[in-house]
N, C-alpha and C. Protein backbone atom coordinates (compact mmCIF):
# COMPACT_ATOMS: atom_id res chain seq x y z
N UNK A 1 -24.83 58.89 17.74
CA UNK A 1 -24.15 58.49 16.52
C UNK A 1 -25.10 58.58 15.32
N UNK A 2 -24.63 59.25 14.27
CA UNK A 2 -25.50 59.39 13.13
C UNK A 2 -25.35 58.23 12.20
N UNK A 3 -26.07 58.27 11.18
CA UNK A 3 -26.11 57.15 10.14
C UNK A 3 -24.69 57.12 9.55
N UNK A 4 -24.12 58.04 9.09
CA UNK A 4 -22.84 58.04 8.42
C UNK A 4 -21.75 57.43 9.31
N UNK A 5 -21.66 57.85 10.56
CA UNK A 5 -20.68 57.28 11.46
C UNK A 5 -20.96 55.85 11.76
N UNK A 6 -22.18 55.44 11.82
CA UNK A 6 -22.53 54.01 12.03
C UNK A 6 -22.06 53.20 10.81
N UNK A 7 -22.22 53.74 9.66
CA UNK A 7 -21.92 53.10 8.44
C UNK A 7 -20.39 52.96 8.28
N UNK A 8 -19.66 53.93 8.71
CA UNK A 8 -18.23 53.96 8.62
C UNK A 8 -17.71 52.90 9.67
N UNK A 9 -18.27 52.89 10.84
CA UNK A 9 -17.85 51.94 11.92
C UNK A 9 -18.16 50.59 11.37
N UNK A 10 -19.23 50.30 10.79
CA UNK A 10 -19.65 48.95 10.21
C UNK A 10 -18.65 48.57 9.17
N UNK A 11 -18.30 49.51 8.26
CA UNK A 11 -17.37 49.24 7.19
C UNK A 11 -16.01 48.84 7.73
N UNK A 12 -15.59 49.69 8.76
CA UNK A 12 -14.21 49.43 9.35
C UNK A 12 -14.21 48.07 10.05
N UNK A 13 -15.24 47.71 10.80
CA UNK A 13 -15.34 46.49 11.53
C UNK A 13 -15.28 45.31 10.43
N UNK A 14 -16.15 45.37 9.40
CA UNK A 14 -16.22 44.30 8.50
C UNK A 14 -14.88 44.18 7.71
N UNK A 15 -14.23 45.26 7.40
CA UNK A 15 -12.94 45.26 6.80
C UNK A 15 -11.92 44.67 7.66
N UNK A 16 -11.92 44.98 8.91
CA UNK A 16 -10.96 44.44 9.93
C UNK A 16 -11.22 42.95 10.03
N UNK A 17 -12.41 42.47 10.06
CA UNK A 17 -12.73 41.00 10.13
C UNK A 17 -12.25 40.32 8.84
N UNK A 18 -12.45 40.99 7.73
CA UNK A 18 -11.99 40.41 6.42
C UNK A 18 -10.44 40.29 6.45
N UNK A 19 -9.83 41.34 6.92
CA UNK A 19 -8.35 41.36 6.91
C UNK A 19 -7.89 40.22 7.88
N UNK A 20 -8.48 40.12 9.02
CA UNK A 20 -8.10 39.06 10.01
C UNK A 20 -8.24 37.70 9.41
N UNK A 21 -9.37 37.47 8.77
CA UNK A 21 -9.56 36.18 8.16
C UNK A 21 -8.56 35.88 7.00
N UNK A 22 -8.21 36.91 6.23
CA UNK A 22 -7.22 36.75 5.18
C UNK A 22 -5.83 36.41 5.79
N UNK A 23 -5.51 37.13 6.85
CA UNK A 23 -4.19 36.80 7.47
C UNK A 23 -4.22 35.40 8.09
N UNK A 24 -5.25 34.98 8.77
CA UNK A 24 -5.32 33.65 9.27
C UNK A 24 -5.24 32.60 8.14
N UNK A 25 -5.92 32.85 7.01
CA UNK A 25 -5.85 31.97 5.93
C UNK A 25 -4.39 31.81 5.40
N UNK A 26 -3.73 32.94 5.18
CA UNK A 26 -2.32 32.98 4.72
C UNK A 26 -1.44 32.22 5.67
N UNK A 27 -1.63 32.40 6.95
CA UNK A 27 -0.78 31.72 7.97
C UNK A 27 -1.04 30.27 7.87
N UNK A 28 -2.28 29.85 7.74
CA UNK A 28 -2.70 28.49 7.72
C UNK A 28 -2.09 27.79 6.49
N UNK A 29 -2.13 28.38 5.30
CA UNK A 29 -1.58 27.85 4.06
C UNK A 29 -0.05 27.77 4.21
N UNK A 30 0.55 28.80 4.76
CA UNK A 30 2.04 28.69 5.03
C UNK A 30 2.40 27.50 5.90
N UNK A 31 1.70 27.29 6.98
CA UNK A 31 1.88 26.19 7.89
C UNK A 31 1.65 24.89 7.14
N UNK A 32 0.66 24.73 6.29
CA UNK A 32 0.39 23.58 5.57
C UNK A 32 1.51 23.27 4.54
N UNK A 33 1.99 24.31 3.85
CA UNK A 33 3.01 24.15 2.88
C UNK A 33 4.38 23.67 3.62
N UNK A 34 4.61 24.31 4.71
CA UNK A 34 5.83 23.96 5.53
C UNK A 34 5.75 22.47 5.97
N UNK A 35 4.49 22.02 6.38
CA UNK A 35 4.34 20.65 6.76
C UNK A 35 4.66 19.75 5.58
N UNK A 36 4.08 20.12 4.39
CA UNK A 36 4.32 19.25 3.21
C UNK A 36 5.85 19.21 2.88
N UNK A 37 6.49 20.41 2.91
CA UNK A 37 7.91 20.47 2.69
C UNK A 37 8.69 19.53 3.65
N UNK A 38 8.30 19.67 4.90
CA UNK A 38 9.04 18.86 5.96
C UNK A 38 8.85 17.37 5.72
N UNK A 39 7.65 17.03 5.27
CA UNK A 39 7.41 15.65 4.93
C UNK A 39 8.14 15.16 3.71
N UNK A 40 8.21 15.97 2.67
CA UNK A 40 8.98 15.68 1.54
C UNK A 40 10.51 15.51 1.81
N UNK A 41 11.02 16.35 2.64
CA UNK A 41 12.37 16.36 3.03
C UNK A 41 12.66 15.09 3.82
N UNK A 42 11.77 14.61 4.72
CA UNK A 42 11.97 13.47 5.47
C UNK A 42 11.99 12.18 4.59
N UNK A 43 11.10 12.24 3.60
CA UNK A 43 11.16 11.10 2.61
C UNK A 43 12.43 11.08 1.80
N UNK A 44 12.95 12.27 1.42
CA UNK A 44 14.15 12.39 0.68
C UNK A 44 15.33 12.00 1.42
N UNK A 45 15.34 12.35 2.76
CA UNK A 45 16.50 11.92 3.59
C UNK A 45 16.45 10.38 3.78
N UNK A 46 15.33 9.80 3.94
CA UNK A 46 15.18 8.37 4.01
C UNK A 46 15.66 7.68 2.85
N UNK A 47 15.23 8.19 1.67
CA UNK A 47 15.69 7.50 0.40
C UNK A 47 17.17 7.65 0.22
N UNK A 48 17.70 8.85 0.60
CA UNK A 48 19.21 9.07 0.50
C UNK A 48 19.91 8.01 1.39
N UNK A 49 19.33 7.87 2.58
CA UNK A 49 20.06 6.89 3.45
C UNK A 49 19.95 5.50 2.96
N UNK A 50 18.87 5.07 2.33
CA UNK A 50 18.85 3.78 1.69
C UNK A 50 19.80 3.68 0.55
N UNK A 51 19.87 4.71 -0.21
CA UNK A 51 20.76 4.69 -1.39
C UNK A 51 22.25 4.65 -0.86
N UNK A 52 22.60 5.32 0.19
CA UNK A 52 24.00 5.28 0.66
C UNK A 52 24.24 3.84 1.13
N UNK A 53 23.34 3.22 1.83
CA UNK A 53 23.51 1.81 2.16
C UNK A 53 23.67 0.88 0.96
N UNK A 54 22.98 1.06 -0.02
CA UNK A 54 23.04 0.29 -1.27
C UNK A 54 24.41 0.53 -1.87
N UNK A 55 24.88 1.76 -1.87
CA UNK A 55 26.22 2.05 -2.48
C UNK A 55 27.30 1.38 -1.61
N UNK A 56 27.19 1.45 -0.32
CA UNK A 56 28.16 0.77 0.55
C UNK A 56 28.28 -0.72 0.26
N UNK A 57 27.07 -1.31 0.11
CA UNK A 57 27.06 -2.77 -0.17
C UNK A 57 27.67 -3.04 -1.53
N UNK A 58 27.30 -2.23 -2.53
CA UNK A 58 27.90 -2.42 -3.87
C UNK A 58 29.48 -2.23 -3.80
N UNK A 59 29.91 -1.26 -3.10
CA UNK A 59 31.34 -1.04 -2.98
C UNK A 59 32.03 -2.19 -2.31
N UNK A 60 31.40 -2.77 -1.32
CA UNK A 60 31.97 -3.91 -0.65
C UNK A 60 32.19 -5.07 -1.63
N UNK A 61 31.15 -5.32 -2.43
CA UNK A 61 31.18 -6.41 -3.41
C UNK A 61 32.27 -6.08 -4.44
N UNK A 62 32.36 -4.74 -4.88
CA UNK A 62 33.31 -4.48 -5.95
C UNK A 62 34.68 -4.63 -5.40
N UNK A 63 34.93 -4.21 -4.14
CA UNK A 63 36.22 -4.38 -3.52
C UNK A 63 36.64 -5.84 -3.47
N UNK A 64 35.63 -6.63 -2.93
CA UNK A 64 35.90 -8.09 -2.80
C UNK A 64 36.18 -8.67 -4.22
N UNK A 65 35.49 -8.33 -5.19
CA UNK A 65 35.69 -8.90 -6.56
C UNK A 65 36.99 -8.46 -7.08
N UNK A 66 37.35 -7.11 -6.91
CA UNK A 66 38.65 -6.67 -7.47
C UNK A 66 39.82 -7.28 -6.64
N UNK A 67 39.63 -7.61 -5.43
CA UNK A 67 40.70 -8.24 -4.63
C UNK A 67 40.86 -9.72 -5.10
N UNK A 68 39.84 -10.32 -5.57
CA UNK A 68 39.86 -11.74 -5.98
C UNK A 68 40.32 -11.97 -7.50
N UNK A 69 40.30 -10.91 -8.22
CA UNK A 69 40.64 -10.94 -9.65
C UNK A 69 42.02 -11.65 -9.91
N UNK A 70 43.06 -11.16 -9.16
CA UNK A 70 44.35 -11.78 -9.32
C UNK A 70 44.41 -13.23 -9.10
N UNK A 71 43.65 -13.66 -8.07
CA UNK A 71 43.59 -15.13 -7.72
C UNK A 71 42.85 -15.85 -8.71
N UNK A 72 41.83 -15.28 -9.34
CA UNK A 72 41.00 -15.91 -10.33
C UNK A 72 41.88 -16.00 -11.70
N UNK A 73 42.64 -14.92 -11.94
CA UNK A 73 43.45 -14.97 -13.17
C UNK A 73 44.57 -16.03 -12.93
N UNK A 74 45.16 -16.11 -11.77
CA UNK A 74 46.13 -17.17 -11.55
C UNK A 74 45.53 -18.50 -11.76
N UNK A 75 44.41 -18.73 -11.28
CA UNK A 75 43.76 -20.06 -11.31
C UNK A 75 43.45 -20.35 -12.84
N UNK A 76 42.99 -19.35 -13.60
CA UNK A 76 42.82 -19.57 -15.01
C UNK A 76 44.11 -19.98 -15.75
N UNK A 77 45.20 -19.28 -15.33
CA UNK A 77 46.48 -19.68 -15.97
C UNK A 77 46.96 -21.05 -15.64
N UNK A 78 46.64 -21.54 -14.36
CA UNK A 78 46.90 -22.88 -13.98
C UNK A 78 46.17 -23.86 -14.78
N UNK A 79 44.84 -23.61 -14.92
CA UNK A 79 43.99 -24.47 -15.68
C UNK A 79 44.41 -24.53 -17.16
N UNK A 80 44.75 -23.43 -17.69
CA UNK A 80 45.25 -23.36 -19.15
C UNK A 80 46.57 -24.20 -19.23
N UNK A 81 47.40 -24.10 -18.26
CA UNK A 81 48.66 -24.90 -18.32
C UNK A 81 48.35 -26.33 -18.22
N UNK A 82 47.46 -26.72 -17.37
CA UNK A 82 47.12 -28.10 -17.20
C UNK A 82 46.47 -28.71 -18.57
N UNK A 83 45.55 -27.90 -19.16
CA UNK A 83 44.98 -28.28 -20.42
C UNK A 83 46.01 -28.40 -21.55
N UNK A 84 46.90 -27.50 -21.52
CA UNK A 84 48.06 -27.63 -22.49
C UNK A 84 48.86 -28.94 -22.32
N UNK A 85 49.07 -29.23 -21.11
CA UNK A 85 49.76 -30.52 -20.75
C UNK A 85 48.90 -31.72 -21.30
N UNK A 86 47.72 -31.70 -20.96
CA UNK A 86 46.80 -32.86 -21.33
C UNK A 86 46.80 -32.95 -22.85
N UNK A 87 46.55 -31.86 -23.58
CA UNK A 87 46.53 -31.84 -25.00
C UNK A 87 47.85 -32.35 -25.64
N UNK A 88 48.92 -31.97 -25.00
CA UNK A 88 50.30 -32.48 -25.51
C UNK A 88 50.37 -33.98 -25.32
N UNK A 89 49.97 -34.47 -24.16
CA UNK A 89 50.01 -35.91 -23.89
C UNK A 89 49.07 -36.67 -24.81
N UNK A 90 47.88 -36.10 -25.15
CA UNK A 90 47.00 -36.80 -26.07
C UNK A 90 47.58 -36.91 -27.41
N UNK A 91 48.22 -35.87 -27.88
CA UNK A 91 48.83 -35.86 -29.22
C UNK A 91 50.00 -36.89 -29.35
N UNK A 92 50.64 -37.04 -28.25
CA UNK A 92 51.84 -37.90 -28.27
C UNK A 92 51.51 -39.36 -28.30
């Protein structure tokens, strides 16, 4: 093997090693980014689940409140009627 051939073989080997290291680095970075993405998605899913539960609780209270409004309005009317009666008796 002469000097030129040895130099070419050395350059090819070093280029191959550099290429292999570059590929491994790219794969490693891709895996790391995928892991970060998976983690962010898990956090987002968890937060959405908590928000859904908060919304369900809110909706239950809103439903309960809206169902009680007619009863409350009727009670207010009864109290107003009683007050009117008391005021009329006090004036008389």
